[in-house]
Amino acid sequence: QVTLVESGGGLVQTGGSLRLSCATSGLTFRNYAMAWFRQAPGKELEFVAGISRDGRKIGYAASVKGRSTIARDNAKLTVYLQVNSLKPEDTAVYSCAARSTSDGDYSTKTNTYNYWGQGTQVTVSS
């Protein structure tokens, strides 16, 4: 059974930082590209950041680029997302996703991912 479990969310003030973690089990982690998505109340699920299975390709949404870092630890089967300079508009449920494809690359499209976590709530107060 494949599981992805996010942690690290919470309530933070504007300008603060959070480090989200996504611990996986039941899959060969090194074979999967990983990504973070988020969904704010009343809005669609949106891509935040992605990392290829070998860690060489990384991408960010424009809304978080320059203040976020995605990283993976294949030994710990975990992917991380550090977000700095948090804004109220970053408030959302953040979910990680795993994708297995021949090219090993991440995607910004939600329907290309095989597995999803339940999500962790991030609330940024103004």
N, C-alpha and C. Protein backbone atom coordinates (compact mmCIF):
# COMPACT_ATOMS: atom_id res chain seq x y z
N GLN A 1 0.84 -1.19 0.00
CA GLN A 1 0.00 0.00 0.00
C GLN A 1 0.88 1.25 0.00
N VAL A 2 0.58 2.13 -0.93
CA VAL A 2 1.34 3.37 -1.05
C VAL A 2 0.70 4.44 -0.16
N THR A 3 1.51 5.11 0.63
CA THR A 3 1.02 6.22 1.43
C THR A 3 1.95 7.41 1.30
N LEU A 4 1.36 8.59 1.27
CA LEU A 4 2.09 9.84 1.31
C LEU A 4 1.48 10.63 2.47
N VAL A 5 2.31 11.04 3.41
CA VAL A 5 1.83 11.72 4.60
C VAL A 5 2.55 13.05 4.75
N GLU A 6 1.78 14.12 4.65
CA GLU A 6 2.34 15.46 4.80
C GLU A 6 2.33 15.88 6.27
N SER A 7 3.27 16.75 6.59
CA SER A 7 3.33 17.33 7.92
C SER A 7 4.03 18.68 7.83
N GLY A 8 3.92 19.44 8.90
CA GLY A 8 4.63 20.72 8.96
C GLY A 8 3.75 21.94 8.75
N GLY A 9 2.49 21.72 8.45
CA GLY A 9 1.60 22.86 8.29
C GLY A 9 1.26 23.49 9.62
N GLY A 10 0.53 24.58 9.55
CA GLY A 10 0.13 25.25 10.78
C GLY A 10 -0.27 26.68 10.54
N LEU A 11 -0.37 27.43 11.63
CA LEU A 11 -0.73 28.84 11.59
C LEU A 11 0.55 29.66 11.72
N VAL A 12 0.75 30.57 10.81
CA VAL A 12 1.96 31.39 10.83
C VAL A 12 1.59 32.81 10.44
N GLN A 13 2.34 33.76 10.93
CA GLN A 13 2.09 35.16 10.60
C GLN A 13 2.68 35.52 9.24
N THR A 14 2.14 36.54 8.65
CA THR A 14 2.69 37.06 7.39
C THR A 14 4.17 37.34 7.56
N GLY A 15 4.93 36.87 6.57
CA GLY A 15 6.37 37.05 6.61
C GLY A 15 7.12 35.87 7.21
N GLY A 16 6.39 34.95 7.80
CA GLY A 16 7.01 33.79 8.41
C GLY A 16 7.37 32.71 7.40
N SER A 17 7.86 31.60 7.94
CA SER A 17 8.29 30.49 7.08
C SER A 17 7.73 29.17 7.60
N LEU A 18 7.64 28.23 6.69
CA LEU A 18 7.24 26.88 7.05
C LEU A 18 8.04 25.89 6.22
N ARG A 19 8.29 24.74 6.80
CA ARG A 19 8.91 23.64 6.06
C ARG A 19 7.95 22.46 6.10
N LEU A 20 7.43 22.12 4.96
CA LEU A 20 6.51 20.99 4.85
C LEU A 20 7.29 19.74 4.47
N SER A 21 6.84 18.63 5.00
CA SER A 21 7.45 17.34 4.68
C SER A 21 6.39 16.39 4.14
N CYS A 22 6.81 15.51 3.27
CA CYS A 22 5.93 14.48 2.73
C CYS A 22 6.70 13.16 2.80
N ALA A 23 6.31 12.34 3.76
CA ALA A 23 6.96 11.05 3.93
C ALA A 23 6.19 9.99 3.16
N THR A 24 6.91 9.21 2.39
CA THR A 24 6.25 8.19 1.56
C THR A 24 6.60 6.79 2.03
N SER A 25 5.75 5.86 1.67
CA SER A 25 6.02 4.45 1.91
C SER A 25 5.27 3.64 0.86
N GLY A 26 5.78 2.44 0.62
CA GLY A 26 5.10 1.55 -0.31
C GLY A 26 5.42 1.76 -1.77
N LEU A 27 6.30 2.72 -2.08
CA LEU A 27 6.70 2.90 -3.47
C LEU A 27 8.22 3.03 -3.54
N THR A 28 8.75 2.78 -4.73
CA THR A 28 10.19 2.94 -4.95
C THR A 28 10.44 4.41 -5.21
N PHE A 29 10.69 5.12 -4.13
CA PHE A 29 10.70 6.59 -4.13
C PHE A 29 11.61 7.15 -5.22
N ARG A 30 12.76 6.57 -5.41
CA ARG A 30 13.73 7.13 -6.36
C ARG A 30 13.23 7.08 -7.80
N ASN A 31 12.17 6.31 -8.05
CA ASN A 31 11.61 6.20 -9.39
C ASN A 31 10.50 7.19 -9.67
N TYR A 32 10.18 8.00 -8.68
CA TYR A 32 9.04 8.91 -8.79
C TYR A 32 9.46 10.37 -8.76
N ALA A 33 8.92 11.13 -9.71
CA ALA A 33 8.97 12.58 -9.59
C ALA A 33 7.95 12.98 -8.54
N MET A 34 8.24 14.06 -7.86
CA MET A 34 7.38 14.51 -6.76
C MET A 34 6.99 15.97 -6.97
N ALA A 35 5.86 16.31 -6.40
CA ALA A 35 5.41 17.70 -6.52
C ALA A 35 4.54 18.07 -5.33
N TRP A 36 4.43 19.37 -5.14
CA TRP A 36 3.52 19.95 -4.16
C TRP A 36 2.45 20.74 -4.91
N PHE A 37 1.22 20.56 -4.46
CA PHE A 37 0.09 21.32 -4.95
C PHE A 37 -0.60 21.95 -3.76
N ARG A 38 -1.44 22.92 -4.03
CA ARG A 38 -2.21 23.52 -2.94
C ARG A 38 -3.60 23.88 -3.44
N GLN A 39 -4.52 23.91 -2.48
CA GLN A 39 -5.89 24.29 -2.79
C GLN A 39 -6.41 25.22 -1.72
N ALA A 40 -6.71 26.42 -2.14
CA ALA A 40 -7.28 27.41 -1.24
C ALA A 40 -8.80 27.27 -1.27
N PRO A 41 -9.47 27.75 -0.24
CA PRO A 41 -10.94 27.66 -0.19
C PRO A 41 -11.57 28.29 -1.42
N GLY A 42 -12.45 27.54 -2.08
CA GLY A 42 -13.16 28.05 -3.23
C GLY A 42 -12.35 28.10 -4.51
N LYS A 43 -11.12 27.59 -4.48
CA LYS A 43 -10.26 27.64 -5.66
C LYS A 43 -9.86 26.23 -6.09
N GLU A 44 -9.35 26.15 -7.30
CA GLU A 44 -8.91 24.86 -7.82
C GLU A 44 -7.54 24.49 -7.27
N LEU A 45 -7.26 23.22 -7.35
CA LEU A 45 -5.95 22.72 -6.97
C LEU A 45 -4.91 23.29 -7.93
N GLU A 46 -3.80 23.81 -7.39
CA GLU A 46 -2.79 24.43 -8.25
C GLU A 46 -1.40 23.91 -7.92
N PHE A 47 -0.58 23.84 -8.94
CA PHE A 47 0.80 23.41 -8.80
C PHE A 47 1.60 24.44 -8.03
N VAL A 48 2.46 23.98 -7.14
CA VAL A 48 3.32 24.86 -6.37
C VAL A 48 4.79 24.64 -6.75
N ALA A 49 5.23 23.39 -6.69
CA ALA A 49 6.63 23.08 -7.00
C ALA A 49 6.76 21.62 -7.36
N GLY A 50 7.77 21.31 -8.19
CA GLY A 50 8.00 19.93 -8.59
C GLY A 50 9.47 19.62 -8.69
N ILE A 51 9.80 18.34 -8.54
CA ILE A 51 11.19 17.90 -8.62
C ILE A 51 11.23 16.55 -9.32
N SER A 52 12.17 16.41 -10.24
CA SER A 52 12.27 15.17 -10.98
C SER A 52 12.79 14.04 -10.09
N ARG A 53 12.71 12.84 -10.59
CA ARG A 53 13.09 11.71 -9.75
C ARG A 53 14.57 11.72 -9.40
N ASP A 54 15.40 12.31 -10.25
CA ASP A 54 16.83 12.38 -9.94
C ASP A 54 17.21 13.70 -9.28
N GLY A 55 16.24 14.56 -9.08
CA GLY A 55 16.48 15.82 -8.40
C GLY A 55 17.11 16.90 -9.24
N ARG A 56 17.35 16.63 -10.52
CA ARG A 56 18.07 17.59 -11.35
C ARG A 56 17.17 18.66 -11.94
N LYS A 57 15.90 18.35 -12.06
CA LYS A 57 14.97 19.33 -12.61
C LYS A 57 14.01 19.77 -11.52
N ILE A 58 13.91 21.06 -11.36
CA ILE A 58 13.06 21.65 -10.34
C ILE A 58 12.29 22.80 -10.96
N GLY A 59 11.05 22.95 -10.54
CA GLY A 59 10.26 24.06 -11.05
C GLY A 59 9.30 24.58 -10.00
N TYR A 60 8.95 25.84 -10.13
CA TYR A 60 8.07 26.49 -9.17
C TYR A 60 7.00 27.28 -9.91
N ALA A 61 5.86 27.41 -9.24
CA ALA A 61 4.84 28.32 -9.73
C ALA A 61 5.34 29.74 -9.55
N ALA A 62 4.89 30.62 -10.40
CA ALA A 62 5.32 32.01 -10.33
C ALA A 62 4.98 32.64 -8.99
N SER A 63 3.88 32.16 -8.39
CA SER A 63 3.41 32.75 -7.13
C SER A 63 4.35 32.48 -5.96
N VAL A 64 5.19 31.45 -6.07
CA VAL A 64 6.09 31.11 -4.96
C VAL A 64 7.56 31.15 -5.35
N LYS A 65 7.83 31.35 -6.62
CA LYS A 65 9.21 31.34 -7.09
C LYS A 65 10.03 32.43 -6.42
N GLY A 66 11.21 32.07 -5.99
CA GLY A 66 12.08 33.02 -5.32
C GLY A 66 11.97 33.01 -3.81
N ARG A 67 10.94 32.38 -3.30
CA ARG A 67 10.78 32.30 -1.84
C ARG A 67 10.46 30.88 -1.39
N SER A 68 10.61 29.93 -2.30
CA SER A 68 10.33 28.53 -1.96
C SER A 68 11.45 27.63 -2.44
N THR A 69 11.61 26.52 -1.74
CA THR A 69 12.60 25.53 -2.14
C THR A 69 12.00 24.15 -1.97
N ILE A 70 12.05 23.36 -3.04
CA ILE A 70 11.65 21.97 -2.96
C ILE A 70 12.92 21.11 -2.96
N ALA A 71 12.89 20.06 -2.18
CA ALA A 71 14.05 19.16 -2.10
C ALA A 71 13.56 17.76 -1.79
N ARG A 72 14.38 16.79 -2.14
CA ARG A 72 14.03 15.41 -1.84
C ARG A 72 15.21 14.71 -1.20
N ASP A 73 14.90 13.75 -0.34
CA ASP A 73 15.90 12.92 0.30
C ASP A 73 15.52 11.48 -0.02
N ASN A 74 16.20 10.90 -0.97
CA ASN A 74 15.84 9.55 -1.40
C ASN A 74 16.13 8.51 -0.32
N ALA A 75 17.05 8.80 0.55
CA ALA A 75 17.33 7.86 1.64
C ALA A 75 16.20 7.85 2.66
N LYS A 76 15.56 9.00 2.85
CA LYS A 76 14.46 9.10 3.81
C LYS A 76 13.10 8.98 3.15
N LEU A 77 13.08 8.82 1.83
CA LEU A 77 11.82 8.65 1.09
C LEU A 77 10.89 9.84 1.32
N THR A 78 11.48 11.01 1.37
CA THR A 78 10.73 12.20 1.77
C THR A 78 11.02 13.36 0.83
N VAL A 79 9.99 14.14 0.57
CA VAL A 79 10.15 15.38 -0.19
C VAL A 79 9.74 16.54 0.72
N TYR A 80 10.43 17.66 0.56
CA TYR A 80 10.22 18.82 1.41
C TYR A 80 9.85 20.04 0.58
N LEU A 81 9.15 20.95 1.23
CA LEU A 81 8.88 22.25 0.63
C LEU A 81 9.07 23.32 1.70
N GLN A 82 10.04 24.17 1.46
CA GLN A 82 10.28 25.31 2.34
C GLN A 82 9.66 26.53 1.67
N VAL A 83 8.82 27.23 2.41
CA VAL A 83 8.22 28.46 1.90
C VAL A 83 8.53 29.59 2.86
N ASN A 84 9.13 30.63 2.34
CA ASN A 84 9.50 31.80 3.14
C ASN A 84 8.62 32.99 2.77
N SER A 85 8.73 34.02 3.56
CA SER A 85 7.97 35.26 3.29
C SER A 85 6.51 34.96 2.99
N LEU A 86 5.91 34.19 3.86
CA LEU A 86 4.53 33.75 3.63
C LEU A 86 3.57 34.93 3.61
N LYS A 87 2.56 34.78 2.75
CA LYS A 87 1.55 35.80 2.57
C LYS A 87 0.17 35.20 2.87
N PRO A 88 -0.81 36.00 3.20
CA PRO A 88 -2.16 35.46 3.42
C PRO A 88 -2.67 34.65 2.23
N GLU A 89 -2.29 35.02 1.03
CA GLU A 89 -2.74 34.28 -0.14
C GLU A 89 -2.08 32.91 -0.29
N ASP A 90 -1.13 32.61 0.55
CA ASP A 90 -0.55 31.27 0.58
C ASP A 90 -1.40 30.30 1.41
N THR A 91 -2.40 30.83 2.07
CA THR A 91 -3.27 29.97 2.87
C THR A 91 -3.96 28.94 1.99
N ALA A 92 -3.79 27.67 2.34
CA ALA A 92 -4.32 26.58 1.52
C ALA A 92 -4.01 25.26 2.19
N VAL A 93 -4.62 24.21 1.67
CA VAL A 93 -4.21 22.85 2.01
C VAL A 93 -3.14 22.45 1.01
N TYR A 94 -1.97 22.06 1.53
CA TYR A 94 -0.84 21.69 0.70
C TYR A 94 -0.75 20.16 0.65
N SER A 95 -0.69 19.64 -0.57
CA SER A 95 -0.63 18.19 -0.76
C SER A 95 0.57 17.82 -1.61
N CYS A 96 1.15 16.68 -1.31
CA CYS A 96 2.22 16.19 -2.17
C CYS A 96 1.68 15.09 -3.08
N ALA A 97 2.38 14.89 -4.18
CA ALA A 97 1.95 13.90 -5.16
C ALA A 97 3.16 13.23 -5.78
N ALA A 98 2.97 11.99 -6.19
CA ALA A 98 4.05 11.19 -6.79
C ALA A 98 3.65 10.75 -8.19
N ARG A 99 4.64 10.81 -9.09
CA ARG A 99 4.39 10.53 -10.51
C ARG A 99 5.49 9.64 -11.07
N SER A 100 5.09 8.58 -11.74
CA SER A 100 6.05 7.68 -12.37
C SER A 100 5.88 7.74 -13.88
N THR A 101 6.91 8.23 -14.56
CA THR A 101 6.88 8.29 -16.01
C THR A 101 8.25 7.91 -16.56
N SER A 102 8.29 7.64 -17.84
CA SER A 102 9.55 7.18 -18.45
C SER A 102 10.63 8.25 -18.39
N ASP A 103 10.25 9.53 -18.44
CA ASP A 103 11.27 10.58 -18.44
C ASP A 103 11.66 11.03 -17.05
N GLY A 104 10.91 10.59 -16.05
CA GLY A 104 11.25 10.94 -14.67
C GLY A 104 11.00 12.37 -14.29
N ASP A 105 10.34 13.12 -15.14
CA ASP A 105 10.15 14.54 -14.89
C ASP A 105 8.86 14.79 -14.12
N TYR A 106 8.79 15.95 -13.46
CA TYR A 106 7.56 16.33 -12.77
C TYR A 106 6.63 16.96 -13.81
N SER A 107 5.40 17.20 -13.40
CA SER A 107 4.41 17.85 -14.24
C SER A 107 3.64 18.84 -13.41
N THR A 108 3.10 19.85 -14.05
CA THR A 108 2.26 20.82 -13.36
C THR A 108 0.79 20.40 -13.40
N LYS A 109 0.49 19.31 -14.07
CA LYS A 109 -0.89 18.87 -14.26
C LYS A 109 -1.27 17.82 -13.22
N THR A 110 -2.36 18.07 -12.51
CA THR A 110 -2.77 17.20 -11.41
C THR A 110 -3.11 15.79 -11.88
N ASN A 111 -3.66 15.66 -13.07
CA ASN A 111 -4.15 14.36 -13.51
C ASN A 111 -3.03 13.44 -14.01
N THR A 112 -1.80 13.87 -13.90
CA THR A 112 -0.67 13.03 -14.32
C THR A 112 0.01 12.34 -13.15
N TYR A 113 -0.51 12.55 -11.94
CA TYR A 113 0.11 11.98 -10.74
C TYR A 113 -0.62 10.71 -10.30
N ASN A 114 0.18 9.74 -9.86
CA ASN A 114 -0.35 8.44 -9.49
C ASN A 114 -0.86 8.39 -8.05
N TYR A 115 -0.16 9.09 -7.17
CA TYR A 115 -0.48 9.00 -5.74
C TYR A 115 -0.50 10.39 -5.12
N TRP A 116 -1.38 10.52 -4.12
CA TRP A 116 -1.56 11.80 -3.43
C TRP A 116 -1.61 11.59 -1.93
N GLY A 117 -1.14 12.59 -1.22
CA GLY A 117 -1.31 12.62 0.22
C GLY A 117 -2.62 13.29 0.58
N GLN A 118 -2.92 13.30 1.88
CA GLN A 118 -4.18 13.88 2.37
C GLN A 118 -4.10 15.39 2.50
N GLY A 119 -2.89 15.89 2.64
CA GLY A 119 -2.73 17.34 2.73
C GLY A 119 -2.49 17.82 4.14
N THR A 120 -1.88 18.99 4.22
CA THR A 120 -1.65 19.65 5.50
C THR A 120 -2.06 21.12 5.35
N GLN A 121 -2.76 21.62 6.35
CA GLN A 121 -3.30 22.98 6.28
C GLN A 121 -2.21 24.00 6.62
N VAL A 122 -2.11 25.00 5.78
CA VAL A 122 -1.25 26.15 6.05
C VAL A 122 -2.14 27.38 6.09
N THR A 123 -2.08 28.09 7.20
CA THR A 123 -2.87 29.30 7.37
C THR A 123 -1.94 30.45 7.70
N VAL A 124 -1.99 31.49 6.90
CA VAL A 124 -1.13 32.64 7.10
C VAL A 124 -2.00 33.81 7.55
N SER A 125 -1.75 34.30 8.73
CA SER A 125 -2.54 35.39 9.28
C SER A 125 -1.93 36.73 8.89
N SER A 126 -2.80 37.70 8.67
CA SER A 126 -2.32 39.03 8.26
C SER A 126 -2.09 39.93 9.46
